Amino acid sequence: MNGWSGLARRSGKRLYQDRREAGEVLAGELSSYRGHDVVVLGLARGGVPVAWQVARSLAAPLDVFLVRKLGVPQWEELAMGALASGGGVVINDNLVRSLGIGDEAIQAAIARETDELRRRQRVYRGDRPPPQLAGRTVILVDDGIATGASMLAAVRAVRAQNPARVVVAVPVGPPSACRELTREADDVVCASMPPGFEAVGQVFADFHQVSDDEVRELLTDGN
């Protein structure tokens, strides 16, 4: 399953005007998937504008995929894991052990974020059912990765639905996280891997916060 795309191997630094331009770059590297039974899933919210451009270029359907951070109790900005649509969960076992976080606290966080994930799915998708992924090539797109935990949760959740292939495509990420994803995805495209990676936004001139309305508009336009 381990697969580096050519771009992931050779590109170290790249700058983007905005998420749409990042999507154009990714679409070029994913052109071999055009004409196959592909579905493109954008991780909400920032990944959806990137995924919209990828789906448009590949003439593939677009949908949204949700991942929620599992925050450490009393320190919510620190992630102890991630929860994805379909029930995929990733837990940072080392962090949980070092902070002495009990199973009860973990389960409470999962229950809380599951409710929020379902609420957001209703906001973005309404009554429209999620796409069928079995036997298809699923391209998971985000606007970048930092630790990789959210994307890893997404990969595992999608893999449970028996797709033919799971492909990860992001405009930027640290080399370590991009390589780690090759352990579970069939193909990984990390278009930019800055040696001094600090944050996803460092490679974007325009990195505005994507709104729920923008997500809904793009999903409507992409289907």
N, C-alpha and C. Protein backbone atom coordinates (compact mmCIF):
# COMPACT_ATOMS: atom_id res chain seq x y z
N MET A 1 0.82 -1.21 0.00
CA MET A 1 0.00 0.00 0.00
C MET A 1 0.85 1.26 0.00
N ASN A 2 2.13 1.14 0.28
CA ASN A 2 2.93 2.34 0.41
C ASN A 2 3.22 2.95 -0.94
N GLY A 3 2.83 4.20 -1.16
CA GLY A 3 3.06 4.78 -2.46
C GLY A 3 3.33 6.26 -2.39
N TRP A 4 4.52 6.66 -2.86
CA TRP A 4 4.83 8.08 -3.01
C TRP A 4 4.53 8.47 -4.44
N SER A 5 3.84 9.58 -4.66
CA SER A 5 3.71 10.11 -6.01
C SER A 5 5.00 10.83 -6.36
N GLY A 6 5.20 11.12 -7.66
CA GLY A 6 6.42 11.79 -8.08
C GLY A 6 6.57 13.14 -7.41
N LEU A 7 5.47 13.89 -7.28
CA LEU A 7 5.55 15.23 -6.68
C LEU A 7 5.97 15.14 -5.21
N ALA A 8 5.42 14.18 -4.51
CA ALA A 8 5.76 14.04 -3.10
C ALA A 8 7.24 13.74 -2.93
N ARG A 9 7.82 13.03 -3.87
CA ARG A 9 9.24 12.71 -3.76
C ARG A 9 10.14 13.92 -4.01
N ARG A 10 9.73 14.76 -4.99
CA ARG A 10 10.72 15.73 -5.44
C ARG A 10 10.47 17.17 -5.01
N SER A 11 9.30 17.48 -4.47
CA SER A 11 8.99 18.87 -4.17
C SER A 11 9.24 19.18 -2.71
N GLY A 12 10.10 20.17 -2.44
CA GLY A 12 10.37 20.53 -1.07
C GLY A 12 9.67 21.80 -0.64
N LYS A 13 9.61 22.80 -1.52
CA LYS A 13 9.01 24.08 -1.17
C LYS A 13 8.13 24.57 -2.32
N ARG A 14 6.98 25.14 -1.96
CA ARG A 14 6.07 25.69 -2.96
C ARG A 14 5.17 26.68 -2.25
N LEU A 15 4.81 27.76 -2.93
CA LEU A 15 3.90 28.76 -2.39
C LEU A 15 2.65 28.82 -3.24
N TYR A 16 1.50 29.08 -2.60
CA TYR A 16 0.22 29.13 -3.29
C TYR A 16 -0.45 30.48 -3.04
N GLN A 17 -1.16 30.96 -4.05
CA GLN A 17 -1.94 32.18 -3.86
C GLN A 17 -3.12 31.90 -2.93
N ASP A 18 -3.80 30.77 -3.14
CA ASP A 18 -4.96 30.41 -2.32
C ASP A 18 -5.22 28.92 -2.44
N ARG A 19 -6.30 28.44 -1.84
CA ARG A 19 -6.61 27.02 -1.83
C ARG A 19 -6.97 26.51 -3.22
N ARG A 20 -7.60 27.35 -4.04
CA ARG A 20 -7.95 26.92 -5.40
C ARG A 20 -6.67 26.62 -6.19
N GLU A 21 -5.67 27.48 -6.08
CA GLU A 21 -4.43 27.23 -6.81
C GLU A 21 -3.77 25.95 -6.31
N ALA A 22 -3.81 25.72 -5.00
CA ALA A 22 -3.27 24.49 -4.44
C ALA A 22 -3.99 23.27 -5.03
N GLY A 23 -5.30 23.40 -5.22
CA GLY A 23 -6.07 22.31 -5.82
C GLY A 23 -5.66 22.05 -7.26
N GLU A 24 -5.33 23.10 -8.00
CA GLU A 24 -4.88 22.94 -9.38
C GLU A 24 -3.57 22.15 -9.44
N VAL A 25 -2.66 22.47 -8.51
CA VAL A 25 -1.39 21.75 -8.46
C VAL A 25 -1.62 20.26 -8.16
N LEU A 26 -2.46 20.00 -7.16
CA LEU A 26 -2.75 18.60 -6.81
C LEU A 26 -3.42 17.87 -7.97
N ALA A 27 -4.34 18.54 -8.64
CA ALA A 27 -5.05 17.91 -9.76
C ALA A 27 -4.08 17.48 -10.85
N GLY A 28 -3.06 18.28 -11.09
CA GLY A 28 -2.07 17.91 -12.08
C GLY A 28 -1.33 16.64 -11.71
N GLU A 29 -1.05 16.48 -10.45
CA GLU A 29 -0.34 15.28 -9.99
C GLU A 29 -1.25 14.05 -9.88
N LEU A 30 -2.55 14.30 -9.89
CA LEU A 30 -3.51 13.20 -9.78
C LEU A 30 -4.16 12.88 -11.12
N SER A 31 -3.63 13.42 -12.20
CA SER A 31 -4.28 13.30 -13.51
C SER A 31 -4.42 11.84 -13.97
N SER A 32 -3.57 10.94 -13.48
CA SER A 32 -3.67 9.54 -13.89
C SER A 32 -4.96 8.88 -13.40
N TYR A 33 -5.62 9.51 -12.42
CA TYR A 33 -6.87 8.95 -11.90
C TYR A 33 -8.10 9.39 -12.70
N ARG A 34 -7.92 10.33 -13.61
CA ARG A 34 -9.04 10.80 -14.42
C ARG A 34 -9.58 9.65 -15.28
N GLY A 35 -10.90 9.52 -15.32
CA GLY A 35 -11.52 8.46 -16.09
C GLY A 35 -11.76 7.19 -15.31
N HIS A 36 -11.25 7.12 -14.09
CA HIS A 36 -11.49 5.96 -13.24
C HIS A 36 -12.71 6.24 -12.35
N ASP A 37 -13.13 5.22 -11.62
CA ASP A 37 -14.27 5.38 -10.71
C ASP A 37 -13.77 6.04 -9.44
N VAL A 38 -13.73 7.38 -9.46
CA VAL A 38 -13.12 8.17 -8.40
C VAL A 38 -14.17 9.02 -7.70
N VAL A 39 -14.03 9.16 -6.39
CA VAL A 39 -14.79 10.15 -5.63
C VAL A 39 -13.80 10.97 -4.81
N VAL A 40 -13.99 12.28 -4.83
CA VAL A 40 -13.09 13.19 -4.11
C VAL A 40 -13.79 13.67 -2.85
N LEU A 41 -13.13 13.51 -1.71
CA LEU A 41 -13.67 13.93 -0.43
C LEU A 41 -12.80 15.03 0.16
N GLY A 42 -13.40 16.20 0.39
CA GLY A 42 -12.68 17.31 1.01
C GLY A 42 -12.91 17.33 2.50
N LEU A 43 -11.82 17.39 3.28
CA LEU A 43 -11.97 17.47 4.73
C LEU A 43 -12.43 18.88 5.09
N ALA A 44 -13.54 18.93 5.82
CA ALA A 44 -14.12 20.23 6.18
C ALA A 44 -13.33 20.84 7.33
N ARG A 45 -13.17 22.18 7.26
CA ARG A 45 -13.74 22.99 6.19
C ARG A 45 -12.71 23.38 5.14
N GLY A 46 -11.45 23.55 5.58
CA GLY A 46 -10.45 24.11 4.68
C GLY A 46 -10.10 23.26 3.49
N GLY A 47 -10.34 21.95 3.57
CA GLY A 47 -10.00 21.08 2.47
C GLY A 47 -10.98 21.10 1.32
N VAL A 48 -12.18 21.63 1.56
CA VAL A 48 -13.22 21.57 0.53
C VAL A 48 -12.89 22.44 -0.69
N PRO A 49 -12.41 23.70 -0.53
CA PRO A 49 -12.04 24.47 -1.72
C PRO A 49 -10.92 23.81 -2.53
N VAL A 50 -9.99 23.17 -1.86
CA VAL A 50 -8.92 22.45 -2.56
C VAL A 50 -9.51 21.26 -3.32
N ALA A 51 -10.36 20.51 -2.63
CA ALA A 51 -10.97 19.33 -3.23
C ALA A 51 -11.88 19.69 -4.40
N TRP A 52 -12.55 20.85 -4.32
CA TRP A 52 -13.43 21.29 -5.41
C TRP A 52 -12.64 21.39 -6.71
N GLN A 53 -11.46 21.97 -6.64
CA GLN A 53 -10.64 22.11 -7.84
C GLN A 53 -10.16 20.75 -8.34
N VAL A 54 -9.79 19.86 -7.43
CA VAL A 54 -9.35 18.52 -7.82
C VAL A 54 -10.49 17.77 -8.50
N ALA A 55 -11.68 17.81 -7.89
CA ALA A 55 -12.83 17.10 -8.46
C ALA A 55 -13.19 17.66 -9.83
N ARG A 56 -13.16 18.96 -9.96
CA ARG A 56 -13.47 19.59 -11.24
C ARG A 56 -12.50 19.14 -12.32
N SER A 57 -11.22 19.13 -12.00
CA SER A 57 -10.20 18.76 -12.98
C SER A 57 -10.27 17.28 -13.36
N LEU A 58 -10.64 16.44 -12.42
CA LEU A 58 -10.72 15.00 -12.69
C LEU A 58 -12.09 14.58 -13.18
N ALA A 59 -13.03 15.54 -13.27
CA ALA A 59 -14.41 15.22 -13.66
C ALA A 59 -14.99 14.15 -12.73
N ALA A 60 -14.76 14.33 -11.44
CA ALA A 60 -15.19 13.36 -10.43
C ALA A 60 -16.16 14.02 -9.46
N PRO A 61 -17.03 13.23 -8.84
CA PRO A 61 -17.95 13.80 -7.85
C PRO A 61 -17.21 14.26 -6.60
N LEU A 62 -17.77 15.29 -5.97
CA LEU A 62 -17.19 15.88 -4.76
C LEU A 62 -18.13 15.70 -3.59
N ASP A 63 -17.56 15.37 -2.44
CA ASP A 63 -18.35 15.35 -1.21
C ASP A 63 -17.46 15.80 -0.07
N VAL A 64 -18.08 15.95 1.09
CA VAL A 64 -17.37 16.44 2.26
C VAL A 64 -17.10 15.29 3.21
N PHE A 65 -15.97 15.38 3.91
CA PHE A 65 -15.62 14.39 4.93
C PHE A 65 -15.22 15.15 6.18
N LEU A 66 -15.77 14.75 7.30
CA LEU A 66 -15.54 15.49 8.53
C LEU A 66 -14.62 14.76 9.48
N VAL A 67 -13.72 15.52 10.08
CA VAL A 67 -12.83 15.03 11.12
C VAL A 67 -12.86 16.03 12.26
N ARG A 68 -13.00 15.54 13.47
CA ARG A 68 -13.04 16.40 14.65
C ARG A 68 -11.88 16.07 15.58
N LYS A 69 -11.22 17.11 16.05
CA LYS A 69 -10.13 16.93 17.01
C LYS A 69 -10.70 16.50 18.35
N LEU A 70 -10.01 15.60 19.01
CA LEU A 70 -10.35 15.21 20.38
C LEU A 70 -9.41 15.96 21.32
N GLY A 71 -9.92 16.99 21.96
CA GLY A 71 -9.09 17.84 22.81
C GLY A 71 -8.83 17.25 24.18
N VAL A 72 -7.66 17.54 24.71
CA VAL A 72 -7.31 17.13 26.07
C VAL A 72 -8.22 17.86 27.06
N PRO A 73 -8.78 17.17 28.05
CA PRO A 73 -9.64 17.83 29.04
C PRO A 73 -8.93 19.03 29.69
N GLN A 74 -9.64 20.15 29.77
CA GLN A 74 -9.14 21.40 30.32
C GLN A 74 -8.03 22.03 29.46
N TRP A 75 -7.77 21.47 28.31
CA TRP A 75 -6.73 22.00 27.42
C TRP A 75 -7.12 21.63 25.99
N GLU A 76 -8.29 22.12 25.59
CA GLU A 76 -8.94 21.64 24.38
C GLU A 76 -8.14 21.88 23.10
N GLU A 77 -7.27 22.90 23.12
CA GLU A 77 -6.52 23.18 21.89
C GLU A 77 -5.45 22.13 21.62
N LEU A 78 -5.10 21.32 22.63
CA LEU A 78 -4.14 20.24 22.46
C LEU A 78 -4.89 18.96 22.10
N ALA A 79 -4.56 18.38 20.95
CA ALA A 79 -5.29 17.20 20.47
C ALA A 79 -4.69 15.92 21.04
N MET A 80 -5.55 15.09 21.63
CA MET A 80 -5.10 13.77 22.06
C MET A 80 -5.51 12.71 21.03
N GLY A 81 -6.20 13.17 19.96
CA GLY A 81 -6.61 12.25 18.92
C GLY A 81 -7.56 12.93 17.95
N ALA A 82 -8.19 12.12 17.10
CA ALA A 82 -9.13 12.65 16.11
C ALA A 82 -10.21 11.63 15.83
N LEU A 83 -11.38 12.14 15.46
CA LEU A 83 -12.54 11.32 15.15
C LEU A 83 -13.03 11.69 13.75
N ALA A 84 -13.30 10.69 12.92
CA ALA A 84 -13.69 10.94 11.53
C ALA A 84 -15.10 10.43 11.24
N SER A 85 -15.71 10.95 10.18
CA SER A 85 -16.98 10.44 9.69
C SER A 85 -16.88 8.93 9.52
N GLY A 86 -17.93 8.23 9.93
CA GLY A 86 -17.91 6.77 9.82
C GLY A 86 -17.32 6.08 11.02
N GLY A 87 -16.82 6.87 12.01
CA GLY A 87 -16.37 6.28 13.25
C GLY A 87 -14.89 6.02 13.38
N GLY A 88 -14.09 6.43 12.41
CA GLY A 88 -12.65 6.24 12.53
C GLY A 88 -12.07 7.08 13.66
N VAL A 89 -11.29 6.47 14.54
CA VAL A 89 -10.71 7.16 15.69
C VAL A 89 -9.21 6.90 15.74
N VAL A 90 -8.45 7.97 15.98
CA VAL A 90 -7.01 7.86 16.20
C VAL A 90 -6.72 8.50 17.55
N ILE A 91 -6.00 7.79 18.41
CA ILE A 91 -5.63 8.30 19.73
C ILE A 91 -4.11 8.36 19.84
N ASN A 92 -3.61 9.49 20.34
CA ASN A 92 -2.19 9.64 20.60
C ASN A 92 -1.87 8.97 21.94
N ASP A 93 -1.53 7.70 21.88
CA ASP A 93 -1.34 6.91 23.10
C ASP A 93 -0.23 7.48 23.98
N ASN A 94 0.83 7.95 23.38
CA ASN A 94 1.95 8.49 24.17
C ASN A 94 1.51 9.71 24.97
N LEU A 95 0.73 10.60 24.31
CA LEU A 95 0.25 11.81 24.99
C LEU A 95 -0.73 11.44 26.10
N VAL A 96 -1.63 10.52 25.80
CA VAL A 96 -2.63 10.10 26.79
C VAL A 96 -1.95 9.52 28.03
N ARG A 97 -0.94 8.69 27.82
CA ARG A 97 -0.21 8.10 28.96
C ARG A 97 0.54 9.16 29.74
N SER A 98 1.21 10.07 29.03
CA SER A 98 2.04 11.06 29.71
C SER A 98 1.20 12.02 30.56
N LEU A 99 -0.03 12.28 30.14
CA LEU A 99 -0.90 13.19 30.87
C LEU A 99 -1.84 12.47 31.84
N GLY A 100 -1.80 11.15 31.81
CA GLY A 100 -2.64 10.38 32.72
C GLY A 100 -4.12 10.51 32.43
N ILE A 101 -4.49 10.60 31.16
CA ILE A 101 -5.90 10.75 30.78
C ILE A 101 -6.58 9.39 30.81
N GLY A 102 -7.66 9.28 31.55
CA GLY A 102 -8.36 8.02 31.69
C GLY A 102 -9.30 7.73 30.55
N ASP A 103 -9.73 6.48 30.47
CA ASP A 103 -10.63 6.04 29.39
C ASP A 103 -11.97 6.77 29.44
N GLU A 104 -12.45 7.08 30.64
CA GLU A 104 -13.72 7.78 30.78
C GLU A 104 -13.67 9.16 30.10
N ALA A 105 -12.56 9.87 30.26
CA ALA A 105 -12.41 11.18 29.65
C ALA A 105 -12.31 11.06 28.13
N ILE A 106 -11.65 10.02 27.66
CA ILE A 106 -11.53 9.80 26.22
C ILE A 106 -12.90 9.52 25.61
N GLN A 107 -13.66 8.64 26.26
CA GLN A 107 -14.99 8.29 25.74
C GLN A 107 -15.93 9.49 25.77
N ALA A 108 -15.79 10.34 26.79
CA ALA A 108 -16.63 11.54 26.86
C ALA A 108 -16.32 12.48 25.69
N ALA A 109 -15.03 12.62 25.38
CA ALA A 109 -14.63 13.47 24.26
C ALA A 109 -15.15 12.91 22.94
N ILE A 110 -15.06 11.59 22.78
CA ILE A 110 -15.56 10.95 21.55
C ILE A 110 -17.06 11.17 21.40
N ALA A 111 -17.81 11.01 22.51
CA ALA A 111 -19.26 11.20 22.46
C ALA A 111 -19.62 12.64 22.10
N ARG A 112 -18.92 13.60 22.70
CA ARG A 112 -19.18 15.01 22.45
C ARG A 112 -18.89 15.38 20.99
N GLU A 113 -17.76 14.93 20.49
CA GLU A 113 -17.38 15.28 19.13
C GLU A 113 -18.19 14.51 18.10
N THR A 114 -18.68 13.32 18.47
CA THR A 114 -19.57 12.58 17.56
C THR A 114 -20.85 13.37 17.33
N ASP A 115 -21.40 13.96 18.38
CA ASP A 115 -22.61 14.77 18.25
C ASP A 115 -22.35 15.98 17.34
N GLU A 116 -21.21 16.64 17.53
CA GLU A 116 -20.88 17.81 16.71
C GLU A 116 -20.62 17.40 15.27
N LEU A 117 -19.98 16.27 15.08
CA LEU A 117 -19.71 15.78 13.72
C LEU A 117 -21.02 15.52 12.98
N ARG A 118 -21.96 14.89 13.65
CA ARG A 118 -23.25 14.61 13.02
C ARG A 118 -24.01 15.89 12.71
N ARG A 119 -23.91 16.86 13.62
CA ARG A 119 -24.58 18.15 13.38
C ARG A 119 -24.03 18.81 12.14
N ARG A 120 -22.71 18.82 12.01
CA ARG A 120 -22.08 19.45 10.85
C ARG A 120 -22.41 18.71 9.57
N GLN A 121 -22.49 17.40 9.65
CA GLN A 121 -22.87 16.64 8.45
C GLN A 121 -24.25 17.05 7.97
N ARG A 122 -25.17 17.28 8.90
CA ARG A 122 -26.51 17.73 8.50
C ARG A 122 -26.44 19.12 7.89
N VAL A 123 -25.60 19.99 8.46
CA VAL A 123 -25.47 21.35 7.93
C VAL A 123 -24.94 21.33 6.50
N TYR A 124 -23.93 20.51 6.24
CA TYR A 124 -23.28 20.50 4.93
C TYR A 124 -24.04 19.66 3.90
N ARG A 125 -24.59 18.53 4.34
CA ARG A 125 -25.17 17.58 3.39
C ARG A 125 -26.68 17.59 3.39
N GLY A 126 -27.31 18.06 4.46
CA GLY A 126 -28.76 18.01 4.54
C GLY A 126 -29.25 16.58 4.58
N ASP A 127 -30.23 16.26 3.74
CA ASP A 127 -30.78 14.91 3.69
C ASP A 127 -30.06 14.03 2.66
N ARG A 128 -29.09 14.59 1.96
CA ARG A 128 -28.38 13.82 0.94
C ARG A 128 -27.51 12.76 1.61
N PRO A 129 -27.63 11.49 1.20
CA PRO A 129 -26.85 10.43 1.83
C PRO A 129 -25.37 10.54 1.46
N PRO A 130 -24.49 10.00 2.29
CA PRO A 130 -23.06 10.01 1.94
C PRO A 130 -22.81 9.13 0.72
N PRO A 131 -21.73 9.39 0.00
CA PRO A 131 -21.45 8.59 -1.21
C PRO A 131 -21.06 7.17 -0.86
N GLN A 132 -21.32 6.25 -1.79
CA GLN A 132 -20.88 4.87 -1.64
C GLN A 132 -19.41 4.78 -2.04
N LEU A 133 -18.59 4.23 -1.17
CA LEU A 133 -17.15 4.21 -1.40
C LEU A 133 -16.61 2.83 -1.77
N ALA A 134 -17.38 1.80 -1.54
CA ALA A 134 -16.91 0.43 -1.79
C ALA A 134 -16.53 0.26 -3.25
N GLY A 135 -15.32 -0.27 -3.46
CA GLY A 135 -14.85 -0.57 -4.80
C GLY A 135 -14.38 0.63 -5.60
N ARG A 136 -14.40 1.82 -5.02
CA ARG A 136 -14.01 3.03 -5.74
C ARG A 136 -12.66 3.54 -5.26
N THR A 137 -12.04 4.39 -6.06
CA THR A 137 -10.84 5.09 -5.63
C THR A 137 -11.26 6.35 -4.92
N VAL A 138 -10.89 6.49 -3.66
CA VAL A 138 -11.27 7.64 -2.84
C VAL A 138 -10.05 8.54 -2.66
N ILE A 139 -10.19 9.79 -3.08
CA ILE A 139 -9.11 10.76 -2.91
C ILE A 139 -9.49 11.70 -1.77
N LEU A 140 -8.75 11.62 -0.67
CA LEU A 140 -8.97 12.47 0.50
C LEU A 140 -8.10 13.71 0.38
N VAL A 141 -8.73 14.88 0.42
CA VAL A 141 -8.03 16.14 0.20
C VAL A 141 -8.21 17.06 1.40
N ASP A 142 -7.11 17.65 1.85
CA ASP A 142 -7.17 18.70 2.87
C ASP A 142 -6.29 19.85 2.41
N ASP A 143 -6.37 20.98 3.11
CA ASP A 143 -5.52 22.11 2.73
C ASP A 143 -4.12 22.00 3.32
N GLY A 144 -3.84 20.92 4.02
CA GLY A 144 -2.52 20.66 4.56
C GLY A 144 -2.62 19.77 5.78
N ILE A 145 -1.49 19.24 6.20
CA ILE A 145 -1.45 18.43 7.42
C ILE A 145 -0.34 18.96 8.31
N ALA A 146 -0.52 18.80 9.60
CA ALA A 146 0.50 19.19 10.58
C ALA A 146 1.03 17.92 11.26
N THR A 147 0.25 17.36 12.18
CA THR A 147 0.66 16.09 12.81
C THR A 147 0.24 14.90 11.96
N GLY A 148 -0.80 15.07 11.16
CA GLY A 148 -1.31 13.97 10.34
C GLY A 148 -2.40 13.16 11.02
N ALA A 149 -2.72 13.47 12.28
CA ALA A 149 -3.70 12.66 13.02
C ALA A 149 -5.09 12.72 12.39
N SER A 150 -5.52 13.89 11.97
CA SER A 150 -6.85 14.02 11.37
C SER A 150 -6.95 13.24 10.07
N MET A 151 -5.92 13.36 9.22
CA MET A 151 -5.95 12.63 7.96
C MET A 151 -5.86 11.13 8.19
N LEU A 152 -5.08 10.71 9.17
CA LEU A 152 -4.97 9.29 9.48
C LEU A 152 -6.32 8.73 9.91
N ALA A 153 -7.07 9.49 10.74
CA ALA A 153 -8.41 9.05 11.14
C ALA A 153 -9.32 8.93 9.92
N ALA A 154 -9.19 9.88 8.98
CA ALA A 154 -10.00 9.83 7.77
C ALA A 154 -9.65 8.61 6.92
N VAL A 155 -8.37 8.33 6.76
CA VAL A 155 -7.94 7.16 5.97
C VAL A 155 -8.52 5.89 6.57
N ARG A 156 -8.43 5.75 7.88
CA ARG A 156 -8.93 4.52 8.52
C ARG A 156 -10.44 4.39 8.39
N ALA A 157 -11.15 5.51 8.51
CA ALA A 157 -12.60 5.46 8.39
C ALA A 157 -13.02 5.08 6.96
N VAL A 158 -12.32 5.64 5.97
CA VAL A 158 -12.63 5.31 4.58
C VAL A 158 -12.25 3.86 4.27
N ARG A 159 -11.11 3.42 4.77
CA ARG A 159 -10.66 2.06 4.51
C ARG A 159 -11.68 1.03 5.00
N ALA A 160 -12.38 1.34 6.08
CA ALA A 160 -13.38 0.42 6.63
C ALA A 160 -14.56 0.21 5.69
N GLN A 161 -14.71 1.09 4.68
CA GLN A 161 -15.82 0.97 3.73
C GLN A 161 -15.42 0.24 2.44
N ASN A 162 -14.26 -0.39 2.47
CA ASN A 162 -13.79 -1.26 1.39
C ASN A 162 -13.64 -0.58 0.03
N PRO A 163 -12.95 0.54 -0.03
CA PRO A 163 -12.67 1.16 -1.32
C PRO A 163 -11.61 0.37 -2.07
N ALA A 164 -11.49 0.62 -3.38
CA ALA A 164 -10.44 -0.03 -4.16
C ALA A 164 -9.08 0.55 -3.78
N ARG A 165 -9.01 1.88 -3.63
CA ARG A 165 -7.78 2.56 -3.26
C ARG A 165 -8.11 3.78 -2.41
N VAL A 166 -7.20 4.12 -1.51
CA VAL A 166 -7.32 5.35 -0.73
C VAL A 166 -6.10 6.21 -1.05
N VAL A 167 -6.37 7.42 -1.54
CA VAL A 167 -5.32 8.34 -1.94
C VAL A 167 -5.40 9.58 -1.06
N VAL A 168 -4.29 10.03 -0.53
CA VAL A 168 -4.20 11.25 0.26
C VAL A 168 -3.54 12.32 -0.60
N ALA A 169 -4.14 13.51 -0.66
CA ALA A 169 -3.58 14.61 -1.44
C ALA A 169 -3.67 15.90 -0.65
N VAL A 170 -2.52 16.50 -0.36
CA VAL A 170 -2.48 17.75 0.40
C VAL A 170 -1.44 18.69 -0.21
N PRO A 171 -1.66 20.00 -0.13
CA PRO A 171 -0.70 20.96 -0.66
C PRO A 171 0.58 21.06 0.15
N VAL A 172 0.52 20.78 1.46
CA VAL A 172 1.69 20.98 2.31
C VAL A 172 1.62 20.09 3.55
N GLY A 173 2.80 19.72 4.02
CA GLY A 173 2.89 18.95 5.26
C GLY A 173 4.34 18.68 5.58
N PRO A 174 4.67 18.39 6.83
CA PRO A 174 6.04 18.04 7.18
C PRO A 174 6.40 16.67 6.61
N PRO A 175 7.63 16.46 6.20
CA PRO A 175 8.03 15.17 5.62
C PRO A 175 7.68 13.97 6.49
N SER A 176 7.86 14.11 7.79
CA SER A 176 7.60 12.98 8.69
C SER A 176 6.14 12.54 8.64
N ALA A 177 5.22 13.51 8.67
CA ALA A 177 3.79 13.17 8.65
C ALA A 177 3.38 12.61 7.30
N CYS A 178 3.91 13.16 6.22
CA CYS A 178 3.58 12.66 4.89
C CYS A 178 4.05 11.21 4.73
N ARG A 179 5.26 10.94 5.20
CA ARG A 179 5.78 9.57 5.09
C ARG A 179 4.97 8.60 5.96
N GLU A 180 4.54 9.07 7.14
CA GLU A 180 3.77 8.20 8.03
C GLU A 180 2.47 7.76 7.36
N LEU A 181 1.87 8.64 6.58
CA LEU A 181 0.60 8.31 5.93
C LEU A 181 0.77 7.23 4.87
N THR A 182 1.97 7.07 4.31
CA THR A 182 2.18 6.03 3.31
C THR A 182 2.03 4.64 3.91
N ARG A 183 2.06 4.54 5.22
CA ARG A 183 1.87 3.23 5.86
C ARG A 183 0.44 2.73 5.73
N GLU A 184 -0.52 3.65 5.52
CA GLU A 184 -1.91 3.22 5.50
C GLU A 184 -2.67 3.64 4.24
N ALA A 185 -2.17 4.61 3.49
CA ALA A 185 -2.81 5.01 2.23
C ALA A 185 -2.09 4.33 1.07
N ASP A 186 -2.80 4.16 -0.05
CA ASP A 186 -2.21 3.53 -1.22
C ASP A 186 -1.34 4.49 -2.02
N ASP A 187 -1.63 5.78 -1.94
CA ASP A 187 -0.85 6.79 -2.63
C ASP A 187 -0.93 8.07 -1.80
N VAL A 188 0.17 8.79 -1.73
CA VAL A 188 0.22 10.02 -0.95
C VAL A 188 0.89 11.11 -1.79
N VAL A 189 0.19 12.23 -1.96
CA VAL A 189 0.75 13.39 -2.64
C VAL A 189 0.85 14.52 -1.62
N CYS A 190 2.07 14.86 -1.25
CA CYS A 190 2.33 16.04 -0.42
C CYS A 190 3.09 17.01 -1.33
N ALA A 191 2.38 18.02 -1.84
CA ALA A 191 2.96 18.85 -2.88
C ALA A 191 4.09 19.74 -2.38
N SER A 192 4.11 20.08 -1.12
CA SER A 192 5.17 20.90 -0.55
C SER A 192 5.52 20.37 0.83
N MET A 193 6.82 20.16 1.05
CA MET A 193 7.29 19.68 2.34
C MET A 193 8.43 20.59 2.81
N PRO A 194 8.08 21.77 3.32
CA PRO A 194 9.13 22.73 3.73
C PRO A 194 10.01 22.15 4.83
N PRO A 195 11.32 22.27 4.69
CA PRO A 195 12.20 21.75 5.74
C PRO A 195 11.99 22.44 7.08
N GLY A 196 11.54 23.69 7.07
CA GLY A 196 11.25 24.40 8.31
C GLY A 196 9.77 24.54 8.54
N PHE A 197 9.04 23.44 8.39
CA PHE A 197 7.58 23.49 8.52
C PHE A 197 7.17 23.99 9.90
N GLU A 198 6.25 24.97 9.90
CA GLU A 198 5.71 25.50 11.15
C GLU A 198 4.19 25.39 11.21
N ALA A 199 3.53 25.72 10.10
CA ALA A 199 2.07 25.68 10.05
C ALA A 199 1.62 25.61 8.61
N VAL A 200 0.42 25.06 8.40
CA VAL A 200 -0.12 24.92 7.05
C VAL A 200 -0.18 26.27 6.34
N GLY A 201 -0.60 27.31 7.05
CA GLY A 201 -0.80 28.61 6.44
C GLY A 201 0.45 29.28 5.92
N GLN A 202 1.63 28.76 6.26
CA GLN A 202 2.86 29.44 5.86
C GLN A 202 3.09 29.42 4.35
N VAL A 203 2.42 28.52 3.61
CA VAL A 203 2.65 28.44 2.16
C VAL A 203 1.52 29.11 1.37
N PHE A 204 0.57 29.77 2.05
CA PHE A 204 -0.56 30.41 1.39
C PHE A 204 -0.51 31.92 1.57
N ALA A 205 -0.71 32.66 0.45
CA ALA A 205 -0.88 34.11 0.56
C ALA A 205 -2.25 34.42 1.15
N ASP A 206 -3.28 33.69 0.72
CA ASP A 206 -4.63 33.85 1.23
C ASP A 206 -5.01 32.56 1.95
N PHE A 207 -5.11 32.64 3.27
CA PHE A 207 -5.47 31.46 4.06
C PHE A 207 -6.62 31.83 5.00
N HIS A 208 -7.67 32.42 4.43
CA HIS A 208 -8.81 32.84 5.23
C HIS A 208 -9.54 31.63 5.80
N GLN A 209 -10.27 31.85 6.87
CA GLN A 209 -11.06 30.78 7.46
C GLN A 209 -12.27 30.49 6.58
N VAL A 210 -12.39 29.26 6.16
CA VAL A 210 -13.50 28.86 5.29
C VAL A 210 -14.78 28.77 6.11
N SER A 211 -15.86 29.36 5.60
CA SER A 211 -17.13 29.37 6.33
C SER A 211 -18.00 28.17 5.94
N ASP A 212 -19.00 27.91 6.77
CA ASP A 212 -19.97 26.86 6.45
C ASP A 212 -20.69 27.17 5.14
N ASP A 213 -21.01 28.44 4.92
CA ASP A 213 -21.70 28.83 3.68
C ASP A 213 -20.83 28.52 2.46
N GLU A 214 -19.53 28.78 2.57
CA GLU A 214 -18.64 28.50 1.45
C GLU A 214 -18.59 27.00 1.17
N VAL A 215 -18.56 26.20 2.22
CA VAL A 215 -18.55 24.75 2.05
C VAL A 215 -19.81 24.29 1.34
N ARG A 216 -20.97 24.76 1.79
CA ARG A 216 -22.24 24.35 1.18
C ARG A 216 -22.30 24.76 -0.29
N GLU A 217 -21.83 25.98 -0.58
CA GLU A 217 -21.85 26.47 -1.97
C GLU A 217 -20.97 25.61 -2.87
N LEU A 218 -19.80 25.27 -2.40
CA LEU A 218 -18.88 24.45 -3.22
C LEU A 218 -19.43 23.04 -3.42
N LEU A 219 -20.04 22.48 -2.39
CA LEU A 219 -20.61 21.13 -2.52
C LEU A 219 -21.76 21.13 -3.51
N THR A 220 -22.57 22.18 -3.50
CA THR A 220 -23.67 22.28 -4.45
C THR A 220 -23.15 22.41 -5.87
N ASP A 221 -22.08 23.20 -6.02
CA ASP A 221 -21.49 23.43 -7.34
C ASP A 221 -20.75 22.21 -7.85
N GLY A 222 -20.27 21.35 -6.93
CA GLY A 222 -19.47 20.22 -7.33
C GLY A 222 -20.26 18.96 -7.57
N ASN A 223 -21.58 19.05 -7.49
CA ASN A 223 -22.41 17.85 -7.69
C ASN A 223 -23.56 18.15 -8.66
